[in-house]
């Protein structure tokens, strides 16, 4: 088992694809990505370093049955996380969103995932600049005009995805390895 666990929620499979790309780039430093609905809290908590990914659904929600996702995902796992002690864990986040179709709640689910990690006491690393995106509002944006994690618009900026992942992982090397 590696020190890095990669977990993702998904609806269409795009977040799974990104998680697999990240895993390939990290190689043996990370275990194979797991869909959050196919793991236990016990397994999740065994990793000192976590990379967590989510798409944003509908009006900006985390994926889960309540948000219209066809399977259990982050919303349901969040219930298990309630009260979990995440102190001492380093967490890097990535989120997918569509800035053209949903400019008023762009990657809001990433902000929700960030809040979950903060409540548990995790140290979140890997903020990402907001330059290069056009949106009206995002709860994943911090006061310093940086996102709480890597933001990918795989629908409208597919050609930037791999370079953004490479750049983000480059900034995280010291924190993750």
Protein backbone atom coordinates (compact mmCIF):
# COMPACT_ATOMS: atom_id res chain seq x y z
CA UNK A 1 0.00 0.00 0.00
CA UNK A 2 1.19 3.47 -0.93
CA UNK A 3 0.99 6.56 1.27
CA UNK A 4 -1.29 8.27 -1.26
CA UNK A 5 -4.91 7.28 -1.76
CA UNK A 6 -6.86 8.66 -4.70
CA UNK A 7 -10.64 8.74 -4.28
CA UNK A 8 -13.25 10.22 -6.58
CA UNK A 9 -16.97 10.62 -7.03
CA UNK A 10 -18.37 10.56 -10.52
CA UNK A 11 -21.55 10.71 -12.54
CA UNK A 12 -20.44 10.53 -16.18
CA UNK A 13 -17.00 8.93 -15.74
CA UNK A 14 -14.97 12.07 -16.47
CA UNK A 15 -13.74 12.39 -12.89
CA UNK A 16 -12.69 8.73 -12.94
CA UNK A 17 -10.70 9.42 -16.10
CA UNK A 18 -8.91 12.36 -14.46
CA UNK A 19 -8.20 10.28 -11.33
CA UNK A 20 -6.62 7.62 -13.53
CA UNK A 21 -4.51 10.26 -15.30
CA UNK A 22 -3.26 11.55 -11.95
CA UNK A 23 -2.47 8.03 -10.80
CA UNK A 24 -0.52 7.28 -13.96
CA UNK A 25 1.55 10.44 -13.48
CA UNK A 26 2.28 9.58 -9.83
CA UNK A 27 3.11 5.96 -10.58
CA UNK A 28 3.94 3.77 -7.59
CA UNK A 29 3.69 6.74 -5.22
CA UNK A 30 -0.11 6.34 -5.22
CA UNK A 31 -2.50 3.42 -5.11
CA UNK A 32 -5.02 2.93 -7.91
CA UNK A 33 -7.97 5.34 -7.72
CA UNK A 34 -11.12 4.17 -5.98
CA UNK A 35 -14.67 5.35 -6.52
CA UNK A 36 -15.76 6.76 -3.17
CA UNK A 37 -18.89 4.61 -3.31
CA UNK A 38 -16.73 1.47 -3.41
CA UNK A 39 -14.67 2.08 -0.30
CA UNK A 40 -15.07 2.16 3.44
CA UNK A 41 -14.25 4.90 5.89
CA UNK A 42 -11.65 2.56 7.41
CA UNK A 43 -9.82 2.21 4.07
CA UNK A 44 -10.10 5.94 3.40
CA UNK A 45 -8.56 6.79 6.76
CA UNK A 46 -5.55 4.47 6.32
CA UNK A 47 -3.91 6.93 3.92
CA UNK A 48 -1.87 9.83 5.34
CA UNK A 49 -2.14 11.64 1.99
CA UNK A 50 -5.37 11.85 0.01
CA UNK A 51 -6.16 13.13 -3.46
CA UNK A 52 -9.90 13.64 -3.77
CA UNK A 53 -11.86 14.46 -6.90
CA UNK A 54 -15.42 15.44 -7.65
CA UNK A 55 -17.57 16.72 -10.48
CA UNK A 56 -20.13 19.44 -9.81
CA UNK A 57 -23.73 18.49 -10.52
CA UNK A 58 -26.87 20.50 -11.15
CA UNK A 59 -26.90 23.68 -9.14
CA UNK A 60 -23.43 23.04 -7.74
CA UNK A 61 -23.85 19.94 -5.61
CA UNK A 62 -21.54 17.07 -4.80
CA UNK A 63 -22.58 13.92 -6.66
CA UNK A 64 -24.89 11.57 -4.83
CA UNK A 65 -28.36 10.12 -5.11
CA UNK A 66 -29.86 13.27 -3.56
CA UNK A 67 -28.30 15.43 -6.29
CA UNK A 68 -29.55 13.26 -9.13
CA UNK A 69 -26.51 11.01 -9.51
CA UNK A 70 -27.45 7.46 -10.40
CA UNK A 71 -25.26 5.95 -7.68
CA UNK A 72 -24.10 6.77 -4.19
CA UNK A 73 -21.12 9.05 -4.13
CA UNK A 74 -19.69 11.94 -2.10
CA UNK A 75 -22.99 13.01 -0.52
CA UNK A 76 -23.48 9.59 1.00
CA UNK A 77 -19.81 9.20 2.01
CA UNK A 78 -19.95 12.63 3.68
CA UNK A 79 -22.36 11.12 6.20
CA UNK A 80 -19.68 8.57 7.14
CA UNK A 81 -17.07 11.34 7.34
CA UNK A 82 -19.14 13.30 9.86
CA UNK A 83 -17.12 13.27 13.05
CA UNK A 84 -14.07 11.55 11.49
CA UNK A 85 -10.71 12.83 12.69
CA UNK A 86 -8.70 13.96 9.65
CA UNK A 87 -6.03 15.81 11.63
CA UNK A 88 -2.56 14.96 10.36
CA UNK A 89 -3.81 14.11 6.88
CA UNK A 90 -2.71 16.07 3.83
CA UNK A 91 -5.45 16.40 1.26
CA UNK A 92 -5.23 17.68 -2.32
CA UNK A 93 -8.49 18.32 -4.16
CA UNK A 94 -9.48 18.43 -7.81
CA UNK A 95 -12.84 19.29 -9.27
CA UNK A 96 -14.54 19.28 -12.64
CA UNK A 97 -17.04 21.87 -13.76
CA UNK A 98 -18.50 23.58 -16.79
CA UNK A 99 -17.86 27.33 -16.72
CA UNK A 100 -19.95 27.99 -19.84
CA UNK A 101 -23.17 26.18 -18.88
CA UNK A 102 -22.90 26.77 -15.12
CA UNK A 103 -21.05 30.09 -14.60
CA UNK A 104 -23.01 30.91 -11.43
CA UNK A 105 -21.96 27.80 -9.51
CA UNK A 106 -18.73 26.79 -11.22
CA UNK A 107 -17.08 23.87 -9.36
CA UNK A 108 -19.13 24.55 -6.22
CA UNK A 109 -18.90 20.87 -5.28
CA UNK A 110 -15.14 21.35 -4.89
CA UNK A 111 -15.92 24.00 -2.28
CA UNK A 112 -18.22 21.56 -0.47
CA UNK A 113 -15.53 18.87 -0.48
CA UNK A 114 -13.04 21.42 0.89
CA UNK A 115 -15.45 22.28 3.70
CA UNK A 116 -15.79 18.59 4.61
CA UNK A 117 -12.03 18.24 4.87
CA UNK A 118 -11.69 21.43 6.93
CA UNK A 119 -14.35 20.31 9.43
CA UNK A 120 -12.43 17.05 9.92
CA UNK A 121 -9.19 18.94 10.58
CA UNK A 122 -7.29 17.92 7.41
CA UNK A 123 -4.54 20.09 5.95
CA UNK A 124 -5.65 20.96 2.43
CA UNK A 125 -2.84 21.65 -0.04
CA UNK A 126 -2.70 22.41 -3.74
CA UNK A 127 -4.66 25.60 -4.32
CA UNK A 128 -4.99 26.65 -7.97
CA UNK A 129 -5.11 30.10 -9.65
CA UNK A 130 -8.38 31.28 -11.14
CA UNK A 131 -6.76 32.82 -14.22
CA UNK A 132 -7.86 31.23 -17.48
CA UNK A 133 -11.47 30.63 -16.44
CA UNK A 134 -14.56 32.74 -17.08
CA UNK A 135 -17.32 32.32 -14.52
CA UNK A 136 -19.59 34.48 -12.37
CA UNK A 137 -19.36 32.72 -9.01
CA UNK A 138 -17.75 29.74 -7.29
CA UNK A 139 -17.80 28.60 -3.67
CA UNK A 140 -14.46 26.89 -4.38
CA UNK A 141 -12.76 30.28 -4.72
CA UNK A 142 -10.80 31.53 -1.71
CA UNK A 143 -10.29 35.13 -0.67
CA UNK A 144 -6.87 35.19 -2.36
CA UNK A 145 -8.57 34.49 -5.73
CA UNK A 146 -7.30 30.91 -5.80
CA UNK A 147 -9.40 27.80 -6.00
CA UNK A 148 -9.15 25.34 -3.10
CA UNK A 149 -7.77 22.74 -5.53
CA UNK A 150 -7.16 21.97 -9.17
CA UNK A 151 -10.07 23.04 -11.38
CA UNK A 152 -10.69 21.40 -14.73
CA UNK A 153 -13.30 22.32 -17.30
CA UNK A 154 -12.97 19.15 -19.33
CA UNK A 155 -16.04 20.11 -21.39
CA UNK A 156 -14.81 23.46 -22.69
CA UNK A 157 -11.04 23.39 -22.10
CA UNK A 158 -10.18 19.76 -22.76
CA UNK A 159 -6.93 20.79 -24.44
CA UNK A 160 -5.68 22.34 -21.15
CA UNK A 161 -6.45 19.38 -18.88
CA UNK A 162 -3.18 17.46 -19.07
CA UNK A 163 -0.97 20.55 -18.76
CA UNK A 164 -2.99 21.73 -15.75
CA UNK A 165 -2.64 18.33 -14.08
CA UNK A 166 1.12 18.33 -14.72
CA UNK A 167 1.52 21.84 -13.32
CA UNK A 168 -0.61 21.09 -10.26
CA UNK A 169 1.22 17.87 -9.47
CA UNK A 170 4.51 19.72 -9.88
CA UNK A 171 3.49 22.17 -7.17
CA UNK A 172 2.36 19.31 -4.93
CA UNK A 173 5.45 17.08 -5.17
CA UNK A 174 6.89 18.31 -1.86
CA UNK A 175 3.54 18.00 -0.06
CA UNK A 176 2.63 14.59 -1.45
CA UNK A 177 5.83 12.61 -1.60
